[in-house]
Protein backbone atom coordinates (compact mmCIF):
# COMPACT_ATOMS: atom_id res chain seq x y z
CA MET A 1 13.08 -44.01 20.91
CA GLU A 2 11.74 -42.58 17.66
CA ALA A 3 13.33 -43.71 14.42
CA MET A 4 15.17 -41.09 12.37
CA PRO A 5 13.43 -40.13 9.12
CA ALA A 6 15.01 -41.37 5.93
CA LEU A 7 17.16 -38.94 3.96
CA GLY A 8 14.92 -36.48 2.14
CA MET A 9 11.88 -37.33 4.28
CA ARG A 10 10.47 -35.01 6.93
CA ALA A 11 9.27 -36.06 10.34
CA VAL A 12 5.48 -35.95 10.65
CA SER A 13 5.58 -32.99 13.06
CA GLN A 14 7.56 -30.76 10.70
CA ARG A 15 5.73 -28.29 8.47
CA PRO A 16 6.57 -27.79 4.81
CA PRO A 17 8.63 -24.68 4.01
CA GLY A 18 6.54 -21.51 3.95
CA SER A 19 3.75 -22.75 6.21
CA VAL A 20 3.02 -21.08 9.54
CA SER A 21 1.04 -22.10 12.58
CA CYS A 22 -2.17 -20.42 13.70
CA ASN A 23 -0.38 -19.37 16.87
CA ARG A 24 2.25 -17.46 14.87
CA ILE A 25 -0.48 -15.76 12.84
CA ARG A 26 -2.29 -14.73 16.05
CA THR A 27 0.95 -13.42 17.56
CA PHE A 28 1.72 -11.46 14.39
CA ALA A 29 -1.81 -10.01 14.31
CA ARG A 30 -1.55 -9.00 17.97
CA ASP A 31 1.81 -7.31 17.34
CA ILE A 32 0.39 -5.40 14.36
CA ASN A 33 -2.63 -4.38 16.46
CA GLU A 34 -0.41 -3.05 19.24
CA LEU A 35 1.74 -1.17 16.72
CA VAL A 36 -1.31 0.47 15.13
CA ILE A 37 -2.61 1.49 18.57
CA GLU A 38 0.77 3.02 19.45
CA ILE A 39 0.86 4.96 16.16
CA ILE A 40 -2.69 6.23 16.62
CA TYR A 41 -1.91 7.28 20.20
CA ALA A 42 1.24 9.14 19.11
CA VAL A 43 -0.60 10.99 16.33
CA THR A 44 -3.64 11.90 18.44
CA ASN A 45 -1.43 12.93 21.36
CA SER A 46 0.55 15.23 19.04
CA PHE A 47 -2.65 16.80 17.72
CA ALA A 48 -3.93 17.25 21.28
CA LYS A 49 -0.73 19.07 22.25
CA ILE A 50 -1.00 21.33 19.18
CA ASN A 51 -4.65 21.99 19.97
CA ASN A 52 -3.86 22.84 23.60
CA LEU A 53 -1.03 25.14 22.53
CA SER A 54 -3.28 26.84 19.99
CA ALA A 55 -5.99 27.33 22.62
CA ALA A 56 -3.47 28.78 25.08
CA LEU A 57 -2.15 31.20 22.46
CA SER A 58 -5.64 32.32 21.49
CA LEU A 59 -6.42 33.07 25.13
CA GLN A 60 -3.31 35.25 25.37
CA SER A 61 -4.01 37.29 22.24
CA PRO A 62 -6.09 40.43 22.74
CA SER A 63 -9.58 40.18 21.32
CA HIS A 64 -10.91 42.96 19.11
């Protein structure tokens, strides 16, 4: 059984306040990457719909 750390002392496995693990940084970066991809998809999809609508309207209008 492991001995309890003295009052005011941290166990060796604990990180100091404010530090993060590489795994948490990777997870955060992956989440940001997925969010950016979703935003780009939403924006480009909206522009594609507008473009398709514009093309459909221009086909319906009589040409001079």
